[in-house]
Amino acid sequence: MLDIERIIQTGIPDIAPVYGGVRGRTLSSHKQAYGWKTVVTAGIRLVIDLRKDYTSDKYSELCRQFGVDYYHYPIDNDRETIAQMVELFPLFCEKIDQGDFYIACAMGLHRTDIALCTYWVFHAADKGIYPPSIRGYRQINGHNTDKIMRVLNAFYQYMTERDSKEPMPIEVFKERKEVIIDLSRDVKEGYIDTHRKSNQLVDYFDPDTNTLDIQFNGKYPSNVLSNLCSNGFRFEGMVCSSMEGFLQSLKQKDKDKQRQICSMKGGNARKQSVTSWQTDQILWWKGQAYDRQGEEYLKLIRRAYQAMFDQCERFRAALMTTCGITLISSGSEENPCKTILTEQEFCRILTDMRDS
């Protein structure tokens, strides 16, 4: 098994674990030469080189000397390189899936982001694997994801032209790109700017308690997990533009009114909140009455969240980045007679889906 902690302790710049391997600055540089012995004894079996214009045999020769395989997977957005990326992609994914690799461009940041995002969008996401952390194209460092998007778009277009069919529905492709953009705004392993405001978003991760407070004004993934976020899904024939829309619709007996609220974004849906249901503790879904304190009601809520988890890539990816973290939602009403979903119920549902 790869001893990732031992590799990280080498201090190689920008070293970080990813998909059963590690990423970092290229080991072909003399500045990282000191790390060779450690990474090999720690279990690295393959070096993946992402530089397009690197033509020297030095790197492959170094790998041979240390008994490590060398694989060249060039990254760029010109058509010739995209074609090469597409043709080599199945083997590239196979090597990533096997783990025990060291993947890098020159600095281990930007092209490495692109390569790993391509792997996730066109391969790993279909297996339910979490998206990669963004380390080069972080907005906090003044970068954006334009270059990643150019490669992903060119990759999608080339595959469509080659195979005479789309590699995935365009809606799914757009959703996965949104996940990448969200990750560039904030990254889990970062949470570097704890409790620092950025673009009016607040980091609600508390490293002391290892908790993430789910709030709509929170930094990713806190905001995406909020019921107010526009995570669209279809549930039992009803189109829901947000979980808030679904939840608020339960307060309406009239089916047409219920359908209207389901289609609303989170903020607009919340404005439709009423308290009349509290009198008899009855909520409604498609003409059927549910006792707020009954087990069938909670089963209904769980099915709705599961539908969103299954259908919404953005929500699913955000939830999976919280593995190992305790979820909370402070400020929520805790009396089940006064709210359609308590903090405990909400966080238990998310945690159960994530850890199942």
Protein backbone atom coordinates (compact mmCIF):
# COMPACT_ATOMS: atom_id res chain seq x y z
CA MET A 1 0.00 0.00 0.00
CA LEU A 2 1.22 3.49 -0.88
CA ASP A 3 2.60 5.35 2.14
CA ILE A 4 1.23 8.76 1.22
CA GLU A 5 2.12 10.38 4.54
CA ARG A 6 5.76 9.48 4.05
CA ILE A 7 5.74 11.03 0.58
CA ILE A 8 4.12 14.22 1.87
CA GLN A 9 6.80 14.51 4.54
CA THR A 10 9.45 14.85 1.80
CA GLY A 11 8.35 18.46 1.43
CA ILE A 12 8.19 18.26 -2.36
CA PRO A 13 6.40 21.48 -3.41
CA ASP A 14 2.65 21.17 -3.94
CA ILE A 15 2.64 17.49 -3.01
CA ALA A 16 -0.85 16.16 -2.27
CA PRO A 17 -2.72 12.85 -2.35
CA VAL A 18 -5.14 12.16 -5.21
CA TYR A 19 -7.02 9.02 -6.27
CA GLY A 20 -4.69 6.54 -4.60
CA GLY A 21 -1.57 8.31 -5.85
CA VAL A 22 0.04 11.72 -5.40
CA ARG A 23 0.50 14.92 -7.37
CA GLY A 24 3.34 17.42 -7.04
CA ARG A 25 6.13 19.15 -8.92
CA THR A 26 7.93 17.11 -11.53
CA LEU A 27 10.59 14.72 -10.27
CA SER A 28 12.63 15.40 -13.41
CA SER A 29 13.92 18.62 -11.84
CA HIS A 30 17.19 18.48 -9.91
CA LYS A 31 15.42 20.46 -7.18
CA GLN A 32 13.21 17.45 -6.43
CA ALA A 33 15.94 14.83 -6.93
CA TYR A 34 16.21 14.33 -3.18
CA GLY A 35 12.69 12.87 -3.14
CA TRP A 36 13.22 9.97 -5.53
CA LYS A 37 14.35 7.36 -3.03
CA THR A 38 11.54 8.15 -0.61
CA VAL A 39 8.70 8.14 -3.14
CA VAL A 40 9.87 4.83 -4.58
CA THR A 41 10.28 3.09 -1.24
CA ALA A 42 6.90 4.54 -0.22
CA GLY A 43 5.27 2.59 -3.03
CA ILE A 44 5.18 4.75 -6.19
CA ARG A 45 5.12 2.43 -9.20
CA LEU A 46 4.34 4.85 -12.03
CA VAL A 47 5.23 8.41 -13.03
CA ILE A 48 2.74 10.24 -15.28
CA ASP A 49 4.26 13.16 -17.16
CA LEU A 50 1.76 15.76 -18.44
CA ARG A 51 4.12 18.15 -20.23
CA LYS A 52 3.35 18.50 -23.91
CA ASP A 53 6.70 19.79 -25.16
CA TYR A 54 9.05 17.74 -23.00
CA THR A 55 11.14 15.70 -25.46
CA SER A 56 14.13 14.69 -23.37
CA ASP A 57 14.69 11.06 -22.36
CA LYS A 58 15.96 12.20 -18.95
CA TYR A 59 12.71 11.63 -17.07
CA SER A 60 12.02 8.19 -18.50
CA GLU A 61 15.65 7.24 -17.85
CA LEU A 62 15.36 8.36 -14.21
CA CYS A 63 12.25 6.23 -13.86
CA ARG A 64 14.10 3.24 -15.33
CA GLN A 65 16.97 3.72 -12.90
CA PHE A 66 14.59 3.70 -9.93
CA GLY A 67 12.51 0.80 -11.25
CA VAL A 68 9.42 2.92 -11.90
CA ASP A 69 7.24 2.90 -15.03
CA TYR A 70 6.99 6.10 -17.08
CA TYR A 71 3.84 7.23 -18.93
CA HIS A 72 3.52 10.37 -21.04
CA TYR A 73 0.04 11.92 -21.29
CA PRO A 74 0.37 15.39 -22.90
CA ILE A 75 -2.07 18.14 -21.90
CA ASP A 76 -3.02 21.16 -24.04
CA ASN A 77 -6.07 22.60 -25.79
CA ASP A 78 -4.92 22.55 -29.42
CA ARG A 79 -6.78 20.09 -31.62
CA GLU A 80 -3.80 17.81 -32.25
CA THR A 81 -3.12 17.38 -28.53
CA ILE A 82 -6.84 16.95 -27.75
CA ALA A 83 -6.96 14.15 -30.32
CA GLN A 84 -3.99 12.50 -28.65
CA MET A 85 -5.55 12.93 -25.21
CA VAL A 86 -8.78 11.28 -26.35
CA GLU A 87 -7.02 8.32 -27.93
CA LEU A 88 -4.80 7.76 -24.89
CA PHE A 89 -7.61 8.42 -22.41
CA PRO A 90 -8.71 4.80 -21.71
CA LEU A 91 -5.14 3.82 -20.79
CA PHE A 92 -4.70 7.02 -18.77
CA CYS A 93 -7.85 6.21 -16.75
CA GLU A 94 -6.70 2.65 -16.24
CA LYS A 95 -3.42 3.85 -14.78
CA ILE A 96 -5.13 6.36 -12.47
CA ASP A 97 -7.59 3.70 -11.33
CA GLN A 98 -4.70 1.42 -10.36
CA GLY A 99 -3.23 4.04 -8.00
CA ASP A 100 0.39 4.16 -6.75
CA PHE A 101 1.26 6.91 -9.26
CA TYR A 102 3.04 10.25 -9.18
CA ILE A 103 1.36 12.67 -11.61
CA ALA A 104 2.80 16.06 -12.53
CA CYS A 105 3.31 18.71 -15.14
CA ALA A 106 6.22 21.07 -14.54
CA MET A 107 4.87 22.70 -11.36
CA GLY A 108 2.29 20.06 -10.48
CA LEU A 109 -0.55 22.59 -10.58
CA HIS A 110 -2.33 23.75 -13.72
CA ARG A 111 -2.01 20.96 -16.30
CA THR A 112 -2.35 18.53 -13.44
CA ASP A 113 -5.68 20.15 -12.55
CA ILE A 114 -6.77 19.80 -16.18
CA ALA A 115 -5.74 16.15 -16.42
CA LEU A 116 -7.49 15.17 -13.20
CA CYS A 117 -10.64 17.13 -14.05
CA THR A 118 -10.78 15.41 -17.45
CA TYR A 119 -10.40 12.05 -15.73
CA TRP A 120 -13.26 12.86 -13.35
CA VAL A 121 -15.69 14.42 -15.84
CA PHE A 122 -15.35 11.74 -18.52
CA HIS A 123 -14.67 8.67 -16.40
CA ALA A 124 -14.64 8.72 -12.62
CA ALA A 125 -17.91 10.63 -12.10
CA ASP A 126 -19.78 7.75 -13.77
CA LYS A 127 -18.42 5.49 -11.02
CA GLY A 128 -19.51 7.78 -8.22
CA ILE A 129 -15.92 8.83 -7.46
CA TYR A 130 -15.48 12.25 -5.89
CA PRO A 131 -14.03 15.13 -7.99
CA PRO A 132 -10.40 16.20 -7.57
CA SER A 133 -9.31 19.13 -5.44
CA ILE A 134 -8.28 22.16 -7.50
CA ARG A 135 -4.78 23.31 -6.58
CA GLY A 136 -3.66 25.45 -9.51
CA TYR A 137 -6.75 27.19 -10.84
CA ARG A 138 -7.98 28.55 -7.50
CA GLN A 139 -9.90 31.80 -7.56
CA ILE A 140 -8.37 32.75 -4.24
CA ASN A 141 -5.01 32.92 -6.05
CA GLY A 142 -6.38 35.07 -8.87
CA HIS A 143 -7.05 32.23 -11.32
CA ASN A 144 -10.24 30.96 -12.94
CA THR A 145 -11.22 27.73 -14.66
CA ASP A 146 -11.31 29.05 -18.25
CA LYS A 147 -8.41 26.86 -19.39
CA ILE A 148 -9.89 23.78 -17.77
CA MET A 149 -13.20 24.50 -19.48
CA ARG A 150 -11.54 24.95 -22.89
CA VAL A 151 -9.93 21.53 -22.66
CA LEU A 152 -13.10 19.86 -21.37
CA ASN A 153 -15.18 21.46 -24.14
CA ALA A 154 -12.68 20.49 -26.83
CA PHE A 155 -12.48 16.96 -25.42
CA TYR A 156 -16.29 16.65 -25.46
CA GLN A 157 -16.53 18.00 -29.00
CA TYR A 158 -13.78 15.72 -30.34
CA MET A 159 -15.36 12.62 -28.79
CA THR A 160 -18.75 13.62 -30.21
CA GLU A 161 -17.31 14.03 -33.70
CA ARG A 162 -15.28 10.84 -33.52
CA ASP A 163 -18.04 8.61 -32.19
CA SER A 164 -21.00 10.36 -33.85
CA LYS A 165 -22.65 10.61 -30.46
CA GLU A 166 -22.19 12.63 -27.29
CA PRO A 167 -20.05 10.99 -24.59
CA MET A 168 -22.76 12.02 -22.10
CA PRO A 169 -25.92 14.17 -22.19
CA ILE A 170 -25.02 17.84 -22.49
CA GLU A 171 -26.97 18.60 -19.29
CA VAL A 172 -24.78 16.16 -17.34
CA PHE A 173 -21.65 17.64 -18.90
CA LYS A 174 -22.66 21.16 -17.89
CA GLU A 175 -23.46 20.03 -14.37
CA ARG A 176 -20.05 18.40 -13.96
CA LYS A 177 -18.34 21.54 -15.18
CA GLU A 178 -20.25 23.51 -12.57
CA VAL A 179 -18.82 21.20 -9.93
CA ILE A 180 -15.30 22.04 -11.14
CA ILE A 181 -16.07 25.76 -11.02
CA ASP A 182 -17.42 25.39 -7.47
CA LEU A 183 -14.25 23.60 -6.43
CA SER A 184 -12.08 26.36 -7.84
CA ARG A 185 -13.85 28.86 -5.59
CA ASP A 186 -12.93 26.91 -2.50
CA VAL A 187 -11.34 23.54 -1.87
CA LYS A 188 -11.86 21.15 0.99
CA GLU A 189 -8.23 20.46 1.65
CA GLY A 190 -7.71 24.20 1.63
CA TYR A 191 -10.30 25.42 4.02
CA ILE A 192 -7.10 27.46 4.25
CA ASP A 193 -8.88 30.73 4.90
CA THR A 194 -10.85 29.52 7.88
CA HIS A 195 -13.55 31.99 8.91
CA ARG A 196 -12.28 34.47 6.30
CA LYS A 197 -14.82 36.22 4.11
CA SER A 198 -14.28 35.85 0.37
CA ASN A 199 -16.77 37.34 -2.10
CA GLN A 200 -19.15 37.61 0.89
CA LEU A 201 -18.98 33.85 1.45
CA VAL A 202 -17.92 32.57 4.86
CA ASP A 203 -15.91 29.45 5.61
CA TYR A 204 -18.04 27.49 8.07
CA PHE A 205 -15.60 24.64 8.51
CA ASP A 206 -14.26 24.44 12.06
CA PRO A 207 -11.00 22.47 12.13
CA ASP A 208 -11.03 22.29 15.94
CA THR A 209 -14.31 20.35 16.03
CA ASN A 210 -14.06 18.94 12.49
CA THR A 211 -17.56 20.21 11.71
CA LEU A 212 -19.06 21.88 8.66
CA ASP A 213 -21.99 24.21 9.24
CA ILE A 214 -24.32 24.09 6.21
CA GLN A 215 -25.30 27.65 5.33
CA PHE A 216 -26.34 29.25 2.04
CA ASN A 217 -23.77 32.03 2.49
CA GLY A 218 -21.01 29.52 3.19
CA LYS A 219 -18.03 28.70 1.04
CA TYR A 220 -18.10 25.47 -0.94
CA PRO A 221 -19.32 22.86 -0.15
CA SER A 222 -21.43 24.41 2.62
CA ASN A 223 -23.47 26.56 0.22
CA VAL A 224 -24.16 23.77 -2.29
CA LEU A 225 -25.49 21.52 0.49
CA SER A 226 -27.98 24.17 1.59
CA ASN A 227 -31.63 23.50 0.75
CA LEU A 228 -31.68 26.99 -0.78
CA CYS A 229 -29.14 26.04 -3.44
CA SER A 230 -30.50 25.49 -6.96
CA ASN A 231 -29.89 21.74 -7.05
CA GLY A 232 -32.53 20.64 -9.53
CA PHE A 233 -34.04 17.15 -9.60
CA ARG A 234 -37.22 15.28 -10.52
CA PHE A 235 -39.16 13.51 -7.78
CA GLU A 236 -42.11 11.23 -8.41
CA GLY A 237 -42.99 13.05 -11.61
CA MET A 238 -42.56 16.54 -10.14
CA VAL A 239 -39.82 18.93 -11.28
CA CYS A 240 -38.04 20.47 -8.29
CA SER A 241 -35.69 23.42 -8.85
CA SER A 242 -34.39 23.22 -5.28
CA MET A 243 -34.88 21.13 -2.16
CA GLU A 244 -36.37 24.23 -0.51
CA GLY A 245 -39.02 24.27 -3.24
CA PHE A 246 -39.95 20.66 -2.52
CA LEU A 247 -40.05 21.15 1.26
CA GLN A 248 -42.16 24.32 1.13
CA SER A 249 -44.56 22.69 -1.32
CA LEU A 250 -45.45 20.10 1.31
CA LYS A 251 -47.35 22.80 3.19
CA GLN A 252 -49.81 23.11 0.29
CA LYS A 253 -52.72 20.71 -0.21
CA ASP A 254 -53.55 22.12 -3.65
CA LYS A 255 -51.60 20.14 -6.28
CA ASP A 256 -51.23 23.04 -8.70
CA LYS A 257 -49.88 25.33 -5.99
CA GLN A 258 -47.58 22.55 -4.88
CA ARG A 259 -46.23 22.09 -8.40
CA GLN A 260 -45.66 25.84 -8.70
CA ILE A 261 -43.62 26.02 -5.49
CA CYS A 262 -41.61 22.93 -6.40
CA SER A 263 -40.41 24.71 -9.55
CA MET A 264 -39.11 27.71 -7.59
CA LYS A 265 -35.52 28.50 -6.70
CA GLY A 266 -34.66 28.33 -3.02
CA GLY A 267 -35.09 31.97 -2.07
CA ASN A 268 -38.43 32.36 -3.83
CA ALA A 269 -39.67 29.08 -2.40
CA ARG A 270 -38.85 30.14 1.14
CA LYS A 271 -41.05 33.22 0.68
CA GLN A 272 -44.00 30.84 0.23
CA SER A 273 -43.61 29.48 3.76
CA VAL A 274 -46.79 29.29 5.85
CA THR A 275 -47.48 28.08 9.41
CA SER A 276 -51.08 26.91 9.03
CA TRP A 277 -49.97 23.26 8.83
CA GLN A 278 -48.73 23.43 12.44
CA THR A 279 -52.28 23.33 13.79
CA ASP A 280 -53.00 19.72 12.80
CA GLN A 281 -49.40 18.70 11.93
CA ILE A 282 -50.46 17.51 8.47
CA LEU A 283 -48.35 17.98 5.34
CA TRP A 284 -49.22 17.04 1.77
CA TRP A 285 -47.60 15.42 -1.22
CA LYS A 286 -49.52 14.86 -4.45
CA GLY A 287 -52.87 14.65 -2.68
CA GLN A 288 -51.73 12.35 0.13
CA ALA A 289 -51.70 13.56 3.73
CA TYR A 290 -48.65 12.93 5.92
CA ASP A 291 -48.43 13.20 9.71
CA ARG A 292 -45.41 15.41 10.43
CA GLN A 293 -44.52 13.22 13.39
CA GLY A 294 -45.01 9.96 11.50
CA GLU A 295 -42.40 7.60 10.06
CA GLU A 296 -43.94 7.73 6.57
CA TYR A 297 -43.29 11.45 6.41
CA LEU A 298 -39.57 11.01 7.11
CA LYS A 299 -39.43 8.20 4.54
CA LEU A 300 -40.87 10.64 1.99
CA ILE A 301 -38.25 13.25 2.85
CA ARG A 302 -35.46 10.67 2.59
CA ARG A 303 -36.68 9.57 -0.84
CA ALA A 304 -36.63 13.16 -2.05
CA TYR A 305 -33.07 13.73 -0.84
CA GLN A 306 -32.00 10.43 -2.38
CA ALA A 307 -33.49 11.54 -5.71
CA MET A 308 -31.52 14.77 -5.54
CA PHE A 309 -28.35 12.87 -4.60
CA ASP A 310 -28.79 10.43 -7.50
CA GLN A 311 -29.65 13.03 -10.13
CA CYS A 312 -27.71 16.15 -9.18
CA GLU A 313 -23.97 15.76 -9.77
CA ARG A 314 -23.24 19.10 -8.14
CA PHE A 315 -24.95 18.18 -4.87
CA ARG A 316 -23.52 14.67 -4.82
CA ALA A 317 -19.96 15.87 -5.40
CA ALA A 318 -20.28 18.53 -2.69
CA LEU A 319 -21.60 16.00 -0.18
CA MET A 320 -18.85 13.49 -0.91
CA THR A 321 -16.13 16.07 -0.27
CA THR A 322 -17.29 16.15 3.36
CA CYS A 323 -16.37 12.53 4.09
CA GLY A 324 -15.06 12.26 7.65
CA ILE A 325 -16.56 15.63 8.64
CA THR A 326 -19.49 16.10 11.03
CA LEU A 327 -22.32 18.06 9.42
CA ILE A 328 -24.34 20.63 11.37
CA SER A 329 -26.83 23.35 10.44
CA SER A 330 -26.85 25.95 13.17
CA GLY A 331 -29.75 28.32 13.60
CA SER A 332 -32.33 25.77 12.45
CA GLU A 333 -35.58 25.28 14.39
CA GLU A 334 -35.30 22.18 16.54
CA ASN A 335 -38.95 21.73 17.48
CA PRO A 336 -40.40 19.24 14.94
CA CYS A 337 -43.86 20.67 15.58
CA LYS A 338 -42.74 24.01 14.19
CA THR A 339 -40.52 23.02 11.28
CA ILE A 340 -40.84 20.58 8.39
CA LEU A 341 -37.23 19.45 8.94
CA THR A 342 -35.07 19.81 12.04
CA GLU A 343 -31.30 20.18 12.04
CA GLN A 344 -30.89 16.67 13.40
CA GLU A 345 -33.15 15.16 10.72
CA PHE A 346 -31.48 17.13 7.93
CA CYS A 347 -27.91 16.30 8.92
CA ARG A 348 -28.72 12.65 9.61
CA ILE A 349 -30.19 12.26 6.12
CA LEU A 350 -27.13 13.80 4.44
CA THR A 351 -24.71 11.82 6.59
CA ASP A 352 -26.50 8.53 5.95
CA MET A 353 -26.46 9.08 2.17
CA ARG A 354 -22.81 10.08 2.20
CA ASP A 355 -21.62 7.18 4.32
CA SER A 356 -23.78 4.44 2.85
